[in-house]
N, C-alpha and C. Protein backbone atom coordinates (compact mmCIF):
# COMPACT_ATOMS: atom_id res chain seq x y z
N LEU A 1 77.36 82.80 76.33
CA LEU A 1 76.31 82.68 75.33
C LEU A 1 76.64 81.56 74.33
N LEU A 2 77.91 81.48 73.94
CA LEU A 2 78.32 80.43 73.01
C LEU A 2 78.16 79.05 73.64
N LEU A 3 78.47 78.93 74.91
CA LEU A 3 78.32 77.65 75.61
C LEU A 3 76.85 77.22 75.66
N ILE A 4 75.96 78.14 75.96
CA ILE A 4 74.53 77.83 76.02
C ILE A 4 74.02 77.43 74.64
N CYS A 5 74.40 78.19 73.62
CA CYS A 5 73.98 77.85 72.25
C CYS A 5 74.54 76.49 71.83
N GLY A 6 75.76 76.20 72.24
CA GLY A 6 76.37 74.91 71.91
C GLY A 6 75.61 73.76 72.56
N MET A 7 75.20 73.96 73.81
CA MET A 7 74.43 72.91 74.50
C MET A 7 73.07 72.71 73.83
N LEU A 8 72.42 73.79 73.44
CA LEU A 8 71.15 73.67 72.73
C LEU A 8 71.33 72.94 71.40
N GLU A 9 72.39 73.29 70.71
CA GLU A 9 72.68 72.68 69.41
C GLU A 9 72.93 71.17 69.53
N MET A 10 73.71 70.78 70.52
CA MET A 10 74.01 69.36 70.70
C MET A 10 72.77 68.58 71.15
N GLY A 11 71.90 69.20 71.95
CA GLY A 11 70.64 68.57 72.32
C GLY A 11 69.72 68.39 71.12
N TRP A 12 69.66 69.41 70.27
CA TRP A 12 68.89 69.38 69.02
C TRP A 12 69.39 68.26 68.12
N LEU A 13 70.70 68.15 67.99
CA LEU A 13 71.31 67.13 67.15
C LEU A 13 71.06 65.72 67.72
N ALA A 14 71.25 65.55 69.02
CA ALA A 14 71.05 64.23 69.64
C ALA A 14 69.59 63.80 69.57
N SER A 15 68.68 64.72 69.78
CA SER A 15 67.26 64.41 69.72
C SER A 15 66.85 63.99 68.30
N THR A 16 67.32 64.72 67.32
CA THR A 16 66.98 64.39 65.94
C THR A 16 67.63 63.07 65.52
N ARG A 17 68.82 62.81 66.01
CA ARG A 17 69.47 61.52 65.72
C ARG A 17 68.63 60.36 66.27
N GLN A 18 68.11 60.52 67.47
CA GLN A 18 67.26 59.50 68.07
C GLN A 18 65.98 59.32 67.25
N VAL A 19 65.39 60.41 66.80
CA VAL A 19 64.19 60.34 65.95
C VAL A 19 64.50 59.59 64.65
N MET A 20 65.64 59.88 64.04
CA MET A 20 66.02 59.21 62.80
C MET A 20 66.23 57.71 63.03
N ASP A 21 66.85 57.34 64.14
CA ASP A 21 67.03 55.91 64.45
C ASP A 21 65.69 55.21 64.62
N THR A 22 64.74 55.87 65.28
CA THR A 22 63.41 55.29 65.48
C THR A 22 62.67 55.16 64.16
N ILE A 23 62.71 56.19 63.33
CA ILE A 23 62.06 56.13 62.02
C ILE A 23 62.64 54.99 61.19
N THR A 24 63.94 54.86 61.18
CA THR A 24 64.60 53.82 60.39
C THR A 24 64.23 52.43 60.90
N ARG A 25 64.23 52.24 62.19
CA ARG A 25 63.88 50.94 62.77
C ARG A 25 62.42 50.58 62.46
N GLU A 26 61.50 51.53 62.61
CA GLU A 26 60.09 51.26 62.34
C GLU A 26 59.85 51.03 60.85
N ALA A 27 60.55 51.73 60.00
CA ALA A 27 60.42 51.51 58.55
C ALA A 27 60.94 50.12 58.17
N THR A 28 62.02 49.70 58.79
CA THR A 28 62.56 48.38 58.53
C THR A 28 61.57 47.30 58.97
N ARG A 29 60.95 47.50 60.11
CA ARG A 29 59.94 46.55 60.58
C ARG A 29 58.76 46.47 59.61
N ALA A 30 58.37 47.61 59.05
CA ALA A 30 57.28 47.63 58.06
C ALA A 30 57.69 46.85 56.81
N GLY A 31 58.95 46.94 56.42
CA GLY A 31 59.43 46.24 55.24
C GLY A 31 59.57 44.75 55.45
N VAL A 32 59.83 44.32 56.66
CA VAL A 32 60.03 42.90 56.95
C VAL A 32 58.74 42.10 56.77
N VAL A 33 57.60 42.68 57.09
CA VAL A 33 56.34 41.94 57.06
C VAL A 33 55.68 41.94 55.68
N ALA A 34 56.27 42.60 54.70
CA ALA A 34 55.69 42.64 53.36
C ALA A 34 55.88 41.30 52.66
N ALA A 35 55.17 41.13 51.54
CA ALA A 35 55.18 39.85 50.83
C ALA A 35 56.21 39.78 49.70
N SER A 36 56.74 40.92 49.27
CA SER A 36 57.70 40.92 48.16
C SER A 36 58.63 42.11 48.30
N THR A 37 59.66 42.15 47.47
CA THR A 37 60.60 43.28 47.53
C THR A 37 59.92 44.58 47.15
N THR A 38 59.04 44.54 46.17
CA THR A 38 58.33 45.76 45.76
C THR A 38 57.42 46.26 46.87
N ALA A 39 56.64 45.36 47.45
CA ALA A 39 55.75 45.74 48.55
C ALA A 39 56.55 46.21 49.76
N SER A 40 57.68 45.60 49.99
CA SER A 40 58.54 45.98 51.10
C SER A 40 59.09 47.38 50.92
N THR A 41 59.58 47.68 49.74
CA THR A 41 60.12 49.02 49.47
C THR A 41 59.03 50.08 49.63
N THR A 42 57.84 49.79 49.13
CA THR A 42 56.72 50.71 49.28
C THR A 42 56.36 50.90 50.75
N ALA A 43 56.33 49.82 51.51
CA ALA A 43 56.00 49.90 52.94
C ALA A 43 57.05 50.72 53.69
N VAL A 44 58.31 50.55 53.35
CA VAL A 44 59.38 51.30 54.00
C VAL A 44 59.22 52.79 53.71
N ASN A 45 59.03 53.15 52.45
CA ASN A 45 58.88 54.57 52.10
C ASN A 45 57.65 55.19 52.75
N ASN A 46 56.54 54.44 52.80
CA ASN A 46 55.34 54.95 53.46
C ASN A 46 55.56 55.15 54.96
N ALA A 47 56.25 54.22 55.58
CA ALA A 47 56.52 54.33 57.02
C ALA A 47 57.39 55.54 57.33
N VAL A 48 58.39 55.79 56.50
CA VAL A 48 59.25 56.96 56.70
C VAL A 48 58.43 58.24 56.57
N SER A 49 57.60 58.31 55.54
CA SER A 49 56.77 59.50 55.33
C SER A 49 55.79 59.73 56.48
N ASN A 50 55.19 58.65 56.97
CA ASN A 50 54.19 58.78 58.04
C ASN A 50 54.80 59.11 59.39
N LYS A 51 56.02 58.68 59.64
CA LYS A 51 56.63 58.87 60.95
C LYS A 51 57.50 60.11 61.05
N LYS A 52 57.74 60.77 59.92
CA LYS A 52 58.58 61.97 59.92
C LYS A 52 57.88 63.11 60.66
N PRO A 53 58.53 63.69 61.68
CA PRO A 53 57.90 64.79 62.42
C PRO A 53 57.81 66.06 61.57
N SER A 54 56.91 66.94 61.94
CA SER A 54 56.65 68.14 61.13
C SER A 54 57.83 69.11 61.10
N TYR A 55 58.70 69.10 62.11
CA TYR A 55 59.83 70.02 62.09
C TYR A 55 60.91 69.62 61.08
N MET A 56 60.84 68.39 60.61
CA MET A 56 61.79 67.93 59.59
C MET A 56 61.19 68.27 58.22
N THR A 57 61.48 69.45 57.73
CA THR A 57 60.85 69.96 56.52
C THR A 57 61.51 69.45 55.24
N LYS A 58 62.76 69.04 55.32
CA LYS A 58 63.44 68.53 54.14
C LYS A 58 63.11 67.05 53.94
N THR A 59 63.43 66.54 52.77
CA THR A 59 63.17 65.15 52.43
C THR A 59 64.17 64.22 53.11
N ILE A 60 63.67 63.11 53.61
CA ILE A 60 64.53 62.06 54.14
C ILE A 60 64.86 61.11 53.00
N ALA A 61 66.14 60.95 52.70
CA ALA A 61 66.56 60.01 51.65
C ALA A 61 66.50 58.60 52.21
N VAL A 62 65.90 57.69 51.44
CA VAL A 62 65.71 56.31 51.89
C VAL A 62 66.35 55.36 50.88
N THR A 63 67.14 54.41 51.39
CA THR A 63 67.73 53.36 50.56
C THR A 63 67.34 52.02 51.17
N VAL A 64 66.81 51.12 50.32
CA VAL A 64 66.42 49.79 50.77
C VAL A 64 67.25 48.77 50.00
N VAL A 65 67.93 47.89 50.74
CA VAL A 65 68.77 46.86 50.11
C VAL A 65 68.35 45.50 50.66
N PHE A 66 68.17 44.54 49.76
CA PHE A 66 67.82 43.17 50.13
C PHE A 66 69.03 42.28 49.91
N SER A 67 69.36 41.43 50.89
CA SER A 67 70.52 40.56 50.75
C SER A 67 70.28 39.46 49.72
N LYS A 68 69.04 39.02 49.58
CA LYS A 68 68.67 38.00 48.58
C LYS A 68 67.40 38.45 47.87
N PRO A 69 67.51 39.37 46.91
CA PRO A 69 66.30 39.87 46.26
C PRO A 69 65.49 38.80 45.52
N SER A 70 66.16 37.76 45.02
CA SER A 70 65.44 36.71 44.29
C SER A 70 64.69 35.77 45.23
N SER A 71 65.11 35.72 46.48
CA SER A 71 64.46 34.89 47.49
C SER A 71 64.20 35.77 48.72
N PHE A 72 63.20 36.64 48.58
CA PHE A 72 62.93 37.69 49.56
C PHE A 72 62.84 37.19 51.00
N LYS A 73 62.11 36.12 51.24
CA LYS A 73 61.88 35.62 52.61
C LYS A 73 63.09 34.94 53.24
N ASP A 74 64.15 34.70 52.47
CA ASP A 74 65.33 34.01 53.00
C ASP A 74 66.48 34.95 53.35
N GLY A 75 66.29 36.23 53.14
CA GLY A 75 67.40 37.14 53.33
C GLY A 75 67.15 38.19 54.40
N ASP A 76 67.92 39.24 54.30
CA ASP A 76 67.83 40.38 55.22
C ASP A 76 67.39 41.61 54.44
N ILE A 77 66.86 42.58 55.16
CA ILE A 77 66.55 43.88 54.59
C ILE A 77 67.36 44.92 55.36
N THR A 78 68.01 45.80 54.63
CA THR A 78 68.76 46.89 55.24
C THR A 78 68.18 48.20 54.76
N VAL A 79 67.75 49.03 55.70
CA VAL A 79 67.19 50.34 55.38
C VAL A 79 68.15 51.40 55.89
N THR A 80 68.51 52.33 55.02
CA THR A 80 69.36 53.46 55.40
C THR A 80 68.61 54.74 55.11
N THR A 81 68.56 55.62 56.11
CA THR A 81 67.93 56.93 55.93
C THR A 81 68.98 58.01 56.14
N ALA A 82 68.81 59.11 55.44
CA ALA A 82 69.73 60.23 55.58
C ALA A 82 68.94 61.54 55.58
N TYR A 83 69.38 62.47 56.42
CA TYR A 83 68.70 63.75 56.54
C TYR A 83 69.73 64.84 56.80
N ASP A 84 69.55 65.98 56.17
CA ASP A 84 70.41 67.14 56.41
C ASP A 84 69.68 68.09 57.36
N LEU A 85 70.13 68.09 58.61
CA LEU A 85 69.51 68.91 59.65
C LEU A 85 70.17 70.27 59.71
N PRO A 86 69.40 71.35 59.52
CA PRO A 86 70.00 72.68 59.63
C PRO A 86 70.35 73.00 61.09
N THR A 87 71.34 73.85 61.27
CA THR A 87 71.72 74.23 62.63
C THR A 87 70.59 75.01 63.29
N LEU A 88 70.54 74.94 64.59
CA LEU A 88 69.48 75.59 65.35
C LEU A 88 69.78 77.05 65.64
N THR A 89 71.02 77.34 65.99
CA THR A 89 71.40 78.71 66.34
C THR A 89 72.48 79.22 65.39
N PRO A 90 72.43 80.47 65.01
CA PRO A 90 73.44 81.00 64.09
C PRO A 90 74.83 81.09 64.71
N LEU A 91 74.92 81.16 66.03
CA LEU A 91 76.21 81.27 66.69
C LEU A 91 77.03 79.99 66.59
N THR A 92 76.37 78.87 66.42
CA THR A 92 77.09 77.59 66.38
C THR A 92 77.12 76.98 64.97
N ALA A 93 76.79 77.76 63.97
CA ALA A 93 76.79 77.25 62.59
C ALA A 93 78.17 76.80 62.15
N PHE A 94 79.23 77.32 62.81
CA PHE A 94 80.59 76.91 62.45
C PHE A 94 80.87 75.45 62.80
N LEU A 95 80.03 74.83 63.63
CA LEU A 95 80.22 73.44 64.02
C LEU A 95 79.87 72.46 62.89
N ALA A 96 79.02 72.90 61.97
CA ALA A 96 78.56 72.03 60.89
C ALA A 96 78.98 72.62 59.55
N PRO A 97 79.64 71.83 58.71
CA PRO A 97 80.01 72.32 57.39
C PRO A 97 78.77 72.67 56.56
N GLY A 98 78.75 73.85 56.02
CA GLY A 98 77.61 74.28 55.22
C GLY A 98 76.37 74.61 56.04
N GLY A 99 76.49 74.63 57.35
CA GLY A 99 75.36 74.96 58.21
C GLY A 99 74.35 73.84 58.39
N THR A 100 74.73 72.60 58.03
CA THR A 100 73.83 71.46 58.23
C THR A 100 74.61 70.26 58.77
N TYR A 101 73.92 69.46 59.55
CA TYR A 101 74.47 68.19 60.03
C TYR A 101 73.89 67.09 59.15
N HIS A 102 74.73 66.22 58.64
CA HIS A 102 74.26 65.10 57.81
C HIS A 102 74.09 63.90 58.73
N ILE A 103 72.84 63.50 58.97
CA ILE A 103 72.52 62.41 59.87
C ILE A 103 72.16 61.18 59.04
N VAL A 104 72.83 60.07 59.30
CA VAL A 104 72.57 58.81 58.59
C VAL A 104 72.25 57.74 59.63
N SER A 105 71.20 56.98 59.37
CA SER A 105 70.81 55.89 60.26
C SER A 105 70.58 54.64 59.43
N THR A 106 71.04 53.49 59.93
CA THR A 106 70.92 52.22 59.22
C THR A 106 70.36 51.15 60.15
N CYS A 107 69.49 50.31 59.62
CA CYS A 107 68.94 49.19 60.39
C CYS A 107 68.82 47.98 59.47
N THR A 108 69.23 46.80 59.98
CA THR A 108 69.13 45.55 59.24
C THR A 108 68.30 44.56 60.06
N MET A 109 67.38 43.89 59.39
CA MET A 109 66.56 42.88 60.04
C MET A 109 66.42 41.66 59.14
N LYS A 110 66.21 40.54 59.76
CA LYS A 110 65.98 39.27 59.05
C LYS A 110 64.54 39.24 58.57
N VAL A 111 64.34 38.87 57.31
CA VAL A 111 62.99 38.75 56.75
C VAL A 111 62.49 37.34 56.99
N GLY A 112 61.20 37.24 57.28
CA GLY A 112 60.59 35.92 57.44
C GLY A 112 60.91 35.36 58.74
C-alpha cells in the first residue's frame, strides 16, 4: 500500500512540476512582448493567473526580474514562480516537510 501511494505521490508531484514549468514559460513569453517593465510585470501576473489550473487552490508566488530595467528592450526577463503543493495521500506525508512540496520554476528570456 505504501509503494502504491508513493507512486501516486511522485506522479502527482512530477505532473504539477511540469504544469509549473509550463506556466512559468508562458508567463515569461507574455512579459517579453510587453512595451515596458510595468506592462511586462502586469502581463506576467495575468498569464500566471489565467493559466493556473483549478486544482491549484493556493496562490502562486511570482517574481519578475529585469536585467536592464532602465533599458527594457536591451535586457533579459527572469520569471520565478513558487507553489506549495500539499501531499496527495496521508500515508506519504512523511516525504514532504510540513506536508507540502515547495515547487519553484524559473525561466529567462531575451527581451526584444
